Amino acid sequence: MTGAVATGAVPNPAEVFAAVAVVLAAAVATVAARTRDPVRQAVVLSALGLVLSVLFLLVQAPDVALSQLAVGAAITPLLILLTVRAIRRRAAQETEAPDSGKNPEGGRGSGGGG
């Protein structure tokens, strides 16, 4: 019995690609978890969705891959980016609004001589 390990069997290319995709997905997920900026996090999350969709395609799940591509790689990051933009726009308006209506001399009189 000279074991099957020493026979030098060639691995299936799909299994190799799937293993690479799993490692890549773990790496991208770690980067997504460690990223602090929400905009960059959305971009990394989109990359993670793309890697996961390739992984699902490699394991013979094309319907799940298509769903992951649409939701994980496109819609969710887009919603995050739109939310960040809305929050930043609202914060900018709130910082501008108190200053635009104030009179620096105390709020009385127009300052015009008359």
C-alpha atoms as a PDB file:
ATOM      1  CA  MET A   1       0.000   0.000   0.000  1.00  0.00           C
ATOM      2  CA  THR A   2       1.881   2.997  -1.217  1.00  0.00           C
ATOM      3  CA  GLY A   3      -0.799   5.599  -0.408  1.00  0.00           C
ATOM      4  CA  ALA A   4      -2.763   7.699  -2.836  1.00  0.00           C
ATOM      5  CA  VAL A   5      -0.921  10.826  -1.711  1.00  0.00           C
ATOM      6  CA  ALA A   6       2.246   9.807  -3.504  1.00  0.00           C
ATOM      7  CA  THR A   7       0.516   9.181  -6.827  1.00  0.00           C
ATOM      8  CA  GLY A   8       0.824  12.822  -7.862  1.00  0.00           C
ATOM      9  CA  ALA A   9      -2.813  13.312  -8.753  1.00  0.00           C
ATOM     10  CA  VAL A  10      -3.424  16.598 -10.501  1.00  0.00           C
ATOM     11  CA  PRO A  11      -5.990  18.727  -8.668  1.00  0.00           C
ATOM     12  CA  ASN A  12      -9.116  19.810 -10.468  1.00  0.00           C
ATOM     13  CA  PRO A  13      -8.654  23.412 -11.756  1.00  0.00           C
ATOM     14  CA  ALA A  14     -12.119  24.370 -10.498  1.00  0.00           C
ATOM     15  CA  GLU A  15     -11.149  23.285  -6.983  1.00  0.00           C
ATOM     16  CA  VAL A  16      -7.950  25.310  -7.175  1.00  0.00           C
ATOM     17  CA  PHE A  17      -9.850  28.399  -8.348  1.00  0.00           C
ATOM     18  CA  ALA A  18     -12.441  27.879  -5.611  1.00  0.00           C
ATOM     19  CA  ALA A  19      -9.699  27.630  -2.977  1.00  0.00           C
ATOM     20  CA  VAL A  20      -8.083  30.808  -4.298  1.00  0.00           C
ATOM     21  CA  ALA A  21     -11.471  32.541  -4.271  1.00  0.00           C
ATOM     22  CA  VAL A  22     -12.074  31.497  -0.648  1.00  0.00           C
ATOM     23  CA  VAL A  23      -8.701  32.880   0.420  1.00  0.00           C
ATOM     24  CA  LEU A  24      -9.297  36.060  -1.563  1.00  0.00           C
ATOM     25  CA  ALA A  25     -12.780  36.470  -0.060  1.00  0.00           C
ATOM     26  CA  ALA A  26     -11.362  36.080   3.442  1.00  0.00           C
ATOM     27  CA  ALA A  27      -8.689  38.668   2.703  1.00  0.00           C
ATOM     28  CA  VAL A  28     -11.143  41.179   1.209  1.00  0.00           C
ATOM     29  CA  ALA A  29     -13.582  40.639   4.086  1.00  0.00           C
ATOM     30  CA  THR A  30     -10.792  41.350   6.558  1.00  0.00           C
ATOM     31  CA  VAL A  31      -9.909  44.538   4.706  1.00  0.00           C
ATOM     32  CA  ALA A  32     -13.582  45.570   4.681  1.00  0.00           C
ATOM     33  CA  ALA A  33     -13.841  45.022   8.431  1.00  0.00           C
ATOM     34  CA  ARG A  34     -10.685  46.991   9.151  1.00  0.00           C
ATOM     35  CA  THR A  35     -11.510  49.955   6.905  1.00  0.00           C
ATOM     36  CA  ARG A  36     -12.861  52.922   8.885  1.00  0.00           C
ATOM     37  CA  ASP A  37     -13.887  55.345   6.139  1.00  0.00           C
ATOM     38  CA  PRO A  38     -17.465  54.515   5.031  1.00  0.00           C
ATOM     39  CA  VAL A  39     -16.820  55.415   1.394  1.00  0.00           C
ATOM     40  CA  ARG A  40     -13.792  53.157   1.175  1.00  0.00           C
ATOM     41  CA  GLN A  41     -15.702  50.499   3.066  1.00  0.00           C
ATOM     42  CA  ALA A  42     -18.424  50.593   0.399  1.00  0.00           C
ATOM     43  CA  VAL A  43     -15.848  50.142  -2.339  1.00  0.00           C
ATOM     44  CA  VAL A  44     -14.209  47.221  -0.526  1.00  0.00           C
ATOM     45  CA  LEU A  45     -17.646  45.744   0.142  1.00  0.00           C
ATOM     46  CA  SER A  46     -18.356  45.898  -3.561  1.00  0.00           C
ATOM     47  CA  ALA A  47     -15.108  44.044  -4.256  1.00  0.00           C
ATOM     48  CA  LEU A  48     -16.100  41.457  -1.663  1.00  0.00           C
ATOM     49  CA  GLY A  49     -19.444  40.973  -3.397  1.00  0.00           C
ATOM     50  CA  LEU A  50     -17.645  40.467  -6.690  1.00  0.00           C
ATOM     51  CA  VAL A  51     -15.256  37.887  -5.217  1.00  0.00           C
ATOM     52  CA  LEU A  52     -18.132  36.056  -3.537  1.00  0.00           C
ATOM     53  CA  SER A  53     -20.101  35.974  -6.772  1.00  0.00           C
ATOM     54  CA  VAL A  54     -17.108  34.393  -8.539  1.00  0.00           C
ATOM     55  CA  LEU A  55     -16.820  31.893  -5.692  1.00  0.00           C
ATOM     56  CA  PHE A  56     -20.503  30.986  -5.967  1.00  0.00           C
ATOM     57  CA  LEU A  57     -20.097  30.587  -9.709  1.00  0.00           C
ATOM     58  CA  LEU A  58     -17.152  28.229  -9.178  1.00  0.00           C
ATOM     59  CA  VAL A  59     -19.134  26.029  -6.801  1.00  0.00           C
ATOM     60  CA  GLN A  60     -21.892  25.618  -9.370  1.00  0.00           C
ATOM     61  CA  ALA A  61     -24.408  28.070  -7.931  1.00  0.00           C
ATOM     62  CA  PRO A  62     -25.012  30.545 -10.764  1.00  0.00           C
ATOM     63  CA  ASP A  63     -28.308  31.865  -9.394  1.00  0.00           C
ATOM     64  CA  VAL A  64     -26.730  32.693  -6.042  1.00  0.00           C
ATOM     65  CA  ALA A  65     -23.766  34.225  -7.886  1.00  0.00           C
ATOM     66  CA  LEU A  66     -26.071  36.475  -9.875  1.00  0.00           C
ATOM     67  CA  SER A  67     -27.943  37.541  -6.733  1.00  0.00           C
ATOM     68  CA  GLN A  68     -24.669  38.234  -4.937  1.00  0.00           C
ATOM     69  CA  LEU A  69     -23.432  40.241  -7.884  1.00  0.00           C
ATOM     70  CA  ALA A  70     -26.560  42.386  -7.964  1.00  0.00           C
ATOM     71  CA  VAL A  71     -27.104  42.860  -4.240  1.00  0.00           C
ATOM     72  CA  GLY A  72     -23.653  42.477  -2.718  1.00  0.00           C
ATOM     73  CA  ALA A  73     -21.554  44.097  -5.384  1.00  0.00           C
ATOM     74  CA  ALA A  74     -23.881  46.806  -6.668  1.00  0.00           C
ATOM     75  CA  ILE A  75     -26.985  47.694  -4.675  1.00  0.00           C
ATOM     76  CA  THR A  76     -25.678  47.572  -1.106  1.00  0.00           C
ATOM     77  CA  PRO A  77     -22.523  49.647  -1.777  1.00  0.00           C
ATOM     78  CA  LEU A  78     -24.612  52.107  -3.780  1.00  0.00           C
ATOM     79  CA  LEU A  79     -27.043  52.519  -0.882  1.00  0.00           C
ATOM     80  CA  ILE A  80     -24.147  53.026   1.524  1.00  0.00           C
ATOM     81  CA  LEU A  81     -22.611  55.673  -0.741  1.00  0.00           C
ATOM     82  CA  LEU A  82     -25.942  57.490  -1.145  1.00  0.00           C
ATOM     83  CA  THR A  83     -26.504  57.430   2.620  1.00  0.00           C
ATOM     84  CA  VAL A  84     -23.032  58.803   3.335  1.00  0.00           C
ATOM     85  CA  ARG A  85     -23.616  61.545   0.774  1.00  0.00           C
ATOM     86  CA  ALA A  86     -26.972  62.474   2.292  1.00  0.00           C
ATOM     87  CA  ILE A  87     -25.506  62.578   5.801  1.00  0.00           C
ATOM     88  CA  ARG A  88     -22.582  64.736   4.703  1.00  0.00           C
ATOM     89  CA  ARG A  89     -24.862  67.067   2.759  1.00  0.00           C
ATOM     90  CA  ARG A  90     -27.183  67.472   5.757  1.00  0.00           C
ATOM     91  CA  ALA A  91     -24.242  68.117   8.065  1.00  0.00           C
ATOM     92  CA  ALA A  92     -22.909  70.751   5.680  1.00  0.00           C
ATOM     93  CA  GLN A  93     -26.319  72.448   5.527  1.00  0.00           C
ATOM     94  CA  GLU A  94     -26.610  72.461   9.312  1.00  0.00           C
ATOM     95  CA  THR A  95     -23.228  74.067   9.694  1.00  0.00           C
ATOM     96  CA  GLU A  96     -24.021  76.693   7.058  1.00  0.00           C
ATOM     97  CA  ALA A  97     -27.583  77.513   8.177  1.00  0.00           C
ATOM     98  CA  PRO A  98     -26.855  79.105  11.588  1.00  0.00           C
ATOM     99  CA  ASP A  99     -24.161  81.354  10.127  1.00  0.00           C
ATOM    100  CA  SER A 100     -26.191  82.590   7.140  1.00  0.00           C
ATOM    101  CA  GLY A 101     -29.028  84.033   9.223  1.00  0.00           C
ATOM    102  CA  LYS A 102     -26.985  85.610  11.975  1.00  0.00           C
ATOM    103  CA  ASN A 103     -26.037  89.223  12.231  1.00  0.00           C
ATOM    104  CA  PRO A 104     -22.532  89.461  13.641  1.00  0.00           C
ATOM    105  CA  GLU A 105     -23.427  92.681  15.536  1.00  0.00           C
ATOM    106  CA  GLY A 106     -26.073  91.108  17.713  1.00  0.00           C
ATOM    107  CA  GLY A 107     -29.026  90.717  15.385  1.00  0.00           C
ATOM    108  CA  ARG A 108     -30.539  94.207  15.716  1.00  0.00           C
ATOM    109  CA  GLY A 109     -30.703  96.772  13.030  1.00  0.00           C
ATOM    110  CA  SER A 110     -29.673  96.493   9.456  1.00  0.00           C
ATOM    111  CA  GLY A 111     -26.436  98.329   9.852  1.00  0.00           C
ATOM    112  CA  GLY A 112     -27.373 100.756   7.099  1.00  0.00           C
ATOM    113  CA  GLY A 113     -27.271 104.321   8.488  1.00  0.00           C
ATOM    114  CA  GLY A 114     -30.473 106.091   8.535  1.00  0.00           C
END
